[in-house]
PDB file of all heavy atoms in Angstrom:
ATOM      1  N   ARG A   1       7.196  11.375  16.041  1.00  0.00           N
ATOM      2  CA  ARG A   1       6.968  10.712  14.752  1.00  0.00           C
ATOM      3  C   ARG A   1       7.945  11.231  13.693  1.00  0.00           C
ATOM      4  O   ARG A   1       8.470  10.456  12.895  1.00  0.00           O
ATOM      5  CB  ARG A   1       5.539  10.931  14.287  1.00  0.00           C
ATOM      6  CG  ARG A   1       4.488  10.450  15.252  1.00  0.00           C
ATOM      7  CD  ARG A   1       3.740   9.257  14.736  1.00  0.00           C
ATOM      8  NE  ARG A   1       2.630   8.785  15.523  1.00  0.00           N
ATOM      9  CZ  ARG A   1       2.645   8.409  16.790  1.00  0.00           C
ATOM     10  NH1 ARG A   1       3.737   8.541  17.486  1.00  0.00           N
ATOM     11  NH2 ARG A   1       1.574   7.917  17.395  1.00  0.00           N
ATOM     12  N   VAL A   2       8.171  12.525  13.666  1.00  0.00           N
ATOM     13  CA  VAL A   2       9.094  13.114  12.689  1.00  0.00           C
ATOM     14  C   VAL A   2      10.504  12.553  12.884  1.00  0.00           C
ATOM     15  O   VAL A   2      11.163  12.159  11.920  1.00  0.00           O
ATOM     16  CB  VAL A   2       9.092  14.660  12.777  1.00  0.00           C
ATOM     17  CG1 VAL A   2      10.254  15.266  12.006  1.00  0.00           C
ATOM     18  CG2 VAL A   2       7.755  15.214  12.267  1.00  0.00           C
ATOM     19  N   HIS A   3      10.949  12.493  14.123  1.00  0.00           N
ATOM     20  CA  HIS A   3      12.305  11.994  14.389  1.00  0.00           C
ATOM     21  C   HIS A   3      12.419  10.480  14.228  1.00  0.00           C
ATOM     22  O   HIS A   3      13.529   9.968  14.158  1.00  0.00           O
ATOM     23  CB  HIS A   3      12.779  12.440  15.777  1.00  0.00           C
ATOM     24  CG  HIS A   3      13.123  13.894  15.824  1.00  0.00           C
ATOM     25  ND1 HIS A   3      14.332  14.382  15.400  1.00  0.00           N
ATOM     26  CD2 HIS A   3      12.401  14.966  16.210  1.00  0.00           C
ATOM     27  CE1 HIS A   3      14.352  15.697  15.537  1.00  0.00           C
ATOM     28  NE2 HIS A   3      13.191  16.080  16.019  1.00  0.00           N
ATOM     29  N   GLY A   4      11.314   9.796  14.127  1.00  0.00           N
ATOM     30  CA  GLY A   4      11.338   8.355  13.910  1.00  0.00           C
ATOM     31  C   GLY A   4      11.011   7.972  12.484  1.00  0.00           C
ATOM     32  O   GLY A   4      10.793   6.804  12.185  1.00  0.00           O
ATOM     33  N   GLY A   5      10.994   8.945  11.586  1.00  0.00           N
ATOM     34  CA  GLY A   5      10.618   8.700  10.192  1.00  0.00           C
ATOM     35  C   GLY A   5      11.788   8.329   9.307  1.00  0.00           C
ATOM     36  O   GLY A   5      12.795   7.784   9.766  1.00  0.00           O
ATOM     37  N   GLY A   6      11.668   8.672   8.024  1.00  0.00           N
ATOM     38  CA  GLY A   6      12.628   8.243   7.019  1.00  0.00           C
ATOM     39  C   GLY A   6      13.798   9.178   6.751  1.00  0.00           C
ATOM     40  O   GLY A   6      14.608   8.901   5.869  1.00  0.00           O
ATOM     41  N   PHE A   7      13.900  10.275   7.503  1.00  0.00           N
ATOM     42  CA  PHE A   7      15.002  11.215   7.301  1.00  0.00           C
ATOM     43  C   PHE A   7      16.063  11.022   8.374  1.00  0.00           C
ATOM     44  O   PHE A   7      15.752  10.641   9.507  1.00  0.00           O
ATOM     45  CB  PHE A   7      14.515  12.666   7.360  1.00  0.00           C
ATOM     46  CG  PHE A   7      13.618  13.056   6.217  1.00  0.00           C
ATOM     47  CD1 PHE A   7      12.326  13.470   6.449  1.00  0.00           C
ATOM     48  CD2 PHE A   7      14.075  13.016   4.905  1.00  0.00           C
ATOM     49  CE1 PHE A   7      11.485  13.838   5.404  1.00  0.00           C
ATOM     50  CE2 PHE A   7      13.249  13.376   3.852  1.00  0.00           C
ATOM     51  CZ  PHE A   7      11.952  13.785   4.102  1.00  0.00           C
ATOM     52  N   THR A   8      17.315  11.312   8.020  1.00  0.00           N
ATOM     53  CA  THR A   8      18.386  11.319   9.014  1.00  0.00           C
ATOM     54  C   THR A   8      18.199  12.531   9.913  1.00  0.00           C
ATOM     55  O   THR A   8      17.478  13.480   9.568  1.00  0.00           O
ATOM     56  CB  THR A   8      19.775  11.411   8.343  1.00  0.00           C
ATOM     57  OG1 THR A   8      19.903  12.710   7.721  1.00  0.00           O
ATOM     58  CG2 THR A   8      19.992  10.303   7.312  1.00  0.00           C
ATOM     59  N   GLU A   9      18.864  12.538  11.044  1.00  0.00           N
ATOM     60  CA  GLU A   9      18.778  13.691  11.951  1.00  0.00           C
ATOM     61  C   GLU A   9      19.323  14.952  11.281  1.00  0.00           C
ATOM     62  O   GLU A   9      18.785  16.039  11.484  1.00  0.00           O
ATOM     63  CB  GLU A   9      19.489  13.421  13.270  1.00  0.00           C
ATOM     64  CG  GLU A   9      18.681  12.547  14.209  1.00  0.00           C
ATOM     65  CD  GLU A   9      17.328  13.136  14.583  1.00  0.00           C
ATOM     66  OE1 GLU A   9      17.265  14.327  14.960  1.00  0.00           O
ATOM     67  OE2 GLU A   9      16.318  12.410  14.509  1.00  0.00           O
ATOM     68  N   ALA A  10      20.365  14.822  10.468  1.00  0.00           N
ATOM     69  CA  ALA A  10      20.889  15.989   9.752  1.00  0.00           C
ATOM     70  C   ALA A  10      19.850  16.535   8.774  1.00  0.00           C
ATOM     71  O   ALA A  10      19.680  17.754   8.643  1.00  0.00           O
ATOM     72  CB  ALA A  10      22.188  15.633   9.025  1.00  0.00           C
ATOM     73  N   GLN A  11      19.146  15.648   8.103  1.00  0.00           N
ATOM     74  CA  GLN A  11      18.092  16.085   7.176  1.00  0.00           C
ATOM     75  C   GLN A  11      16.937  16.739   7.932  1.00  0.00           C
ATOM     76  O   GLN A  11      16.391  17.758   7.493  1.00  0.00           O
ATOM     77  CB  GLN A  11      17.603  14.905   6.336  1.00  0.00           C
ATOM     78  CG  GLN A  11      18.636  14.420   5.348  1.00  0.00           C
ATOM     79  CD  GLN A  11      18.258  13.107   4.689  1.00  0.00           C
ATOM     80  OE1 GLN A  11      17.521  12.285   5.250  1.00  0.00           O
ATOM     81  NE2 GLN A  11      18.777  12.884   3.485  1.00  0.00           N
ATOM     82  N   ILE A  12      16.586  16.186   9.079  1.00  0.00           N
ATOM     83  CA  ILE A  12      15.515  16.779   9.892  1.00  0.00           C
ATOM     84  C   ILE A  12      15.926  18.181  10.339  1.00  0.00           C
ATOM     85  O   ILE A  12      15.133  19.119  10.274  1.00  0.00           O
ATOM     86  CB  ILE A  12      15.179  15.881  11.099  1.00  0.00           C
ATOM     87  CG1 ILE A  12      14.509  14.591  10.611  1.00  0.00           C
ATOM     88  CG2 ILE A  12      14.294  16.619  12.105  1.00  0.00           C
ATOM     89  CD1 ILE A  12      14.395  13.510  11.675  1.00  0.00           C
ATOM     90  N   GLN A  13      17.162  18.343  10.758  1.00  0.00           N
ATOM     91  CA  GLN A  13      17.613  19.669  11.188  1.00  0.00           C
ATOM     92  C   GLN A  13      17.646  20.649  10.017  1.00  0.00           C
ATOM     93  O   GLN A  13      17.375  21.841  10.198  1.00  0.00           O
ATOM     94  CB  GLN A  13      18.957  19.593  11.903  1.00  0.00           C
ATOM     95  CG  GLN A  13      18.879  18.916  13.252  1.00  0.00           C
ATOM     96  CD  GLN A  13      17.815  19.497  14.155  1.00  0.00           C
ATOM     97  OE1 GLN A  13      17.652  20.713  14.245  1.00  0.00           O
ATOM     98  NE2 GLN A  13      17.076  18.633  14.846  1.00  0.00           N
ATOM     99  N   THR A  14      17.937  20.163   8.826  1.00  0.00           N
ATOM    100  CA  THR A  14      17.860  21.018   7.634  1.00  0.00           C
ATOM    101  C   THR A  14      16.434  21.532   7.483  1.00  0.00           C
ATOM    102  O   THR A  14      16.217  22.724   7.253  1.00  0.00           O
ATOM    103  CB  THR A  14      18.286  20.240   6.376  1.00  0.00           C
ATOM    104  OG1 THR A  14      19.663  19.862   6.512  1.00  0.00           O
ATOM    105  CG2 THR A  14      18.099  21.057   5.109  1.00  0.00           C
ATOM    106  N   LEU A  15      15.477  20.642   7.604  1.00  0.00           N
ATOM    107  CA  LEU A  15      14.061  21.027   7.495  1.00  0.00           C
ATOM    108  C   LEU A  15      13.668  22.007   8.599  1.00  0.00           C
ATOM    109  O   LEU A  15      13.066  23.052   8.332  1.00  0.00           O
ATOM    110  CB  LEU A  15      13.163  19.792   7.585  1.00  0.00           C
ATOM    111  CG  LEU A  15      13.150  18.859   6.391  1.00  0.00           C
ATOM    112  CD1 LEU A  15      12.458  17.542   6.742  1.00  0.00           C
ATOM    113  CD2 LEU A  15      12.475  19.530   5.206  1.00  0.00           C
ATOM    114  N   LEU A  16      13.999  21.675   9.833  1.00  0.00           N
ATOM    115  CA  LEU A  16      13.553  22.488  10.968  1.00  0.00           C
ATOM    116  C   LEU A  16      14.215  23.863  10.980  1.00  0.00           C
ATOM    117  O   LEU A  16      13.559  24.859  11.322  1.00  0.00           O
ATOM    118  CB  LEU A  16      13.785  21.742  12.275  1.00  0.00           C
ATOM    119  CG  LEU A  16      13.032  20.411  12.406  1.00  0.00           C
ATOM    120  CD1 LEU A  16      13.346  19.747  13.745  1.00  0.00           C
ATOM    121  CD2 LEU A  16      11.541  20.581  12.216  1.00  0.00           C
ATOM    122  N   LEU A  17      15.472  23.933  10.596  1.00  0.00           N
ATOM    123  CA  LEU A  17      16.143  25.237  10.522  1.00  0.00           C
ATOM    124  C   LEU A  17      15.541  26.072   9.392  1.00  0.00           C
ATOM    125  O   LEU A  17      15.277  27.268   9.568  1.00  0.00           O
ATOM    126  CB  LEU A  17      17.646  25.064  10.332  1.00  0.00           C
ATOM    127  CG  LEU A  17      18.464  26.356  10.236  1.00  0.00           C
ATOM    128  CD1 LEU A  17      18.250  27.265  11.444  1.00  0.00           C
ATOM    129  CD2 LEU A  17      19.945  26.014  10.067  1.00  0.00           C
ATOM    130  N   THR A  18      15.295  25.457   8.260  1.00  0.00           N
ATOM    131  CA  THR A  18      14.657  26.171   7.145  1.00  0.00           C
ATOM    132  C   THR A  18      13.293  26.713   7.565  1.00  0.00           C
ATOM    133  O   THR A  18      12.953  27.865   7.291  1.00  0.00           O
ATOM    134  CB  THR A  18      14.491  25.245   5.928  1.00  0.00           C
ATOM    135  OG1 THR A  18      15.781  24.810   5.500  1.00  0.00           O
ATOM    136  CG2 THR A  18      13.770  25.942   4.782  1.00  0.00           C
ATOM    137  N   ASN A  19      12.515  25.886   8.235  1.00  0.00           N
ATOM    138  CA  ASN A  19      11.191  26.306   8.678  1.00  0.00           C
ATOM    139  C   ASN A  19      11.285  27.468   9.654  1.00  0.00           C
ATOM    140  O   ASN A  19      10.506  28.423   9.568  1.00  0.00           O
ATOM    141  CB  ASN A  19      10.449  25.134   9.314  1.00  0.00           C
ATOM    142  CG  ASN A  19      10.246  23.984   8.364  1.00  0.00           C
ATOM    143  OD1 ASN A  19      10.373  24.121   7.153  1.00  0.00           O
ATOM    144  ND2 ASN A  19       9.940  22.826   8.900  1.00  0.00           N
ATOM    145  N   ALA A  20      12.225  27.397  10.586  1.00  0.00           N
ATOM    146  CA  ALA A  20      12.388  28.460  11.581  1.00  0.00           C
ATOM    147  C   ALA A  20      12.731  29.784  10.906  1.00  0.00           C
ATOM    148  O   ALA A  20      12.193  30.833  11.266  1.00  0.00           O
ATOM    149  CB  ALA A  20      13.457  28.073  12.594  1.00  0.00           C
ATOM    150  N   VAL A  21      13.625  29.730   9.915  1.00  0.00           N
ATOM    151  CA  VAL A  21      13.999  30.953   9.187  1.00  0.00           C
ATOM    152  C   VAL A  21      12.801  31.466   8.390  1.00  0.00           C
ATOM    153  O   VAL A  21      12.490  32.664   8.421  1.00  0.00           O
ATOM    154  CB  VAL A  21      15.211  30.694   8.266  1.00  0.00           C
ATOM    155  CG1 VAL A  21      15.451  31.852   7.310  1.00  0.00           C
ATOM    156  CG2 VAL A  21      16.471  30.424   9.106  1.00  0.00           C
ATOM    157  N   THR A  22      12.129  30.582   7.674  1.00  0.00           N
ATOM    158  CA  THR A  22      10.995  30.989   6.844  1.00  0.00           C
ATOM    159  C   THR A  22       9.874  31.594   7.685  1.00  0.00           C
ATOM    160  O   THR A  22       9.224  32.553   7.266  1.00  0.00           O
ATOM    161  CB  THR A  22      10.480  29.796   6.022  1.00  0.00           C
ATOM    162  OG1 THR A  22      11.580  29.220   5.296  1.00  0.00           O
ATOM    163  CG2 THR A  22       9.406  30.220   5.031  1.00  0.00           C
ATOM    164  N   ASN A  23       9.673  31.059   8.894  1.00  0.00           N
ATOM    165  CA  ASN A  23       8.662  31.585   9.797  1.00  0.00           C
ATOM    166  C   ASN A  23       9.196  32.688  10.710  1.00  0.00           C
ATOM    167  O   ASN A  23       8.467  33.187  11.573  1.00  0.00           O
ATOM    168  CB  ASN A  23       8.057  30.453  10.646  1.00  0.00           C
ATOM    169  CG  ASN A  23       7.139  29.564   9.846  1.00  0.00           C
ATOM    170  OD1 ASN A  23       6.333  30.036   9.065  1.00  0.00           O
ATOM    171  ND2 ASN A  23       7.276  28.265  10.036  1.00  0.00           N
ATOM    172  N   ALA A  24      10.464  33.059  10.530  1.00  0.00           N
ATOM    173  CA  ALA A  24      11.112  34.154  11.276  1.00  0.00           C
ATOM    174  C   ALA A  24      10.995  33.986  12.787  1.00  0.00           C
ATOM    175  O   ALA A  24      10.677  34.925  13.506  1.00  0.00           O
ATOM    176  CB  ALA A  24      10.559  35.504  10.822  1.00  0.00           C
ATOM    177  N   CYS A  25      11.282  32.792  13.284  1.00  0.00           N
ATOM    178  CA  CYS A  25      11.263  32.523  14.720  1.00  0.00           C
ATOM    179  C   CYS A  25      12.698  32.519  15.241  1.00  0.00           C
ATOM    180  O   CYS A  25      13.429  31.533  15.081  1.00  0.00           O
ATOM    181  CB  CYS A  25      10.573  31.194  15.015  1.00  0.00           C
ATOM    182  SG  CYS A  25      10.516  30.830  16.783  1.00  0.00           S
ATOM    183  N   SER A  26      13.086  33.603  15.849  1.00  0.00           N
ATOM    184  CA  SER A  26      14.465  33.766  16.316  1.00  0.00           C
ATOM    185  C   SER A  26      14.897  32.663  17.277  1.00  0.00           C
ATOM    186  O   SER A  26      16.010  32.143  17.165  1.00  0.00           O
ATOM    187  CB  SER A  26      14.651  35.130  16.982  1.00  0.00           C
ATOM    188  OG  SER A  26      14.429  36.143  16.052  1.00  0.00           O
ATOM    189  N   TRP A  27      14.031  32.315  18.231  1.00  0.00           N
ATOM    190  CA  TRP A  27      14.406  31.267  19.182  1.00  0.00           C
ATOM    191  C   TRP A  27      14.701  29.968  18.445  1.00  0.00           C
ATOM    192  O   TRP A  27      15.734  29.331  18.670  1.00  0.00           O
ATOM    193  CB  TRP A  27      13.302  31.037  20.231  1.00  0.00           C
ATOM    194  CG  TRP A  27      13.744  30.048  21.271  1.00  0.00           C
ATOM    195  CD1 TRP A  27      14.354  30.331  22.460  1.00  0.00           C
ATOM    196  CD2 TRP A  27      13.685  28.614  21.176  1.00  0.00           C
ATOM    197  NE1 TRP A  27      14.675  29.156  23.113  1.00  0.00           N
ATOM    198  CE2 TRP A  27      14.263  28.091  22.342  1.00  0.00           C
ATOM    199  CE3 TRP A  27      13.198  27.733  20.224  1.00  0.00           C
ATOM    200  CZ2 TRP A  27      14.365  26.722  22.583  1.00  0.00           C
ATOM    201  CZ3 TRP A  27      13.302  26.368  20.454  1.00  0.00           C
ATOM    202  CH2 TRP A  27      13.880  25.873  21.625  1.00  0.00           C
ATOM    203  N   ALA A  28      13.818  29.558  17.550  1.00  0.00           N
ATOM    204  CA  ALA A  28      13.979  28.283  16.847  1.00  0.00           C
ATOM    205  C   ALA A  28      15.167  28.301  15.897  1.00  0.00           C
ATOM    206  O   ALA A  28      15.841  27.282  15.726  1.00  0.00           O
ATOM    207  CB  ALA A  28      12.697  27.924  16.101  1.00  0.00           C
ATOM    208  N   VAL A  29      15.472  29.448  15.289  1.00  0.00           N
ATOM    209  CA  VAL A  29      16.649  29.519  14.418  1.00  0.00           C
ATOM    210  C   VAL A  29      17.911  29.242  15.229  1.00  0.00           C
ATOM    211  O   VAL A  29      18.766  28.446  14.821  1.00  0.00           O
ATOM    212  CB  VAL A  29      16.745  30.878  13.683  1.00  0.00           C
ATOM    213  CG1 VAL A  29      18.078  30.997  12.945  1.00  0.00           C
ATOM    214  CG2 VAL A  29      15.587  31.044  12.698  1.00  0.00           C
ATOM    215  N   ALA A  30      18.045  29.877  16.376  1.00  0.00           N
ATOM    216  CA  ALA A  30      19.240  29.657  17.210  1.00  0.00           C
ATOM    217  C   ALA A  30      19.320  28.201  17.659  1.00  0.00           C
ATOM    218  O   ALA A  30      20.384  27.561  17.571  1.00  0.00           O
ATOM    219  CB  ALA A  30      19.216  30.599  18.403  1.00  0.00           C
TER     220      ALA A  30
END
């Protein structure tokens, strides 16, 4: 659903990378 929503893939990756850093998940950041 997230990838089929109103954001571009670059915008989604901005969100997901930010979330990974904020939640300190090393695997997801990489």
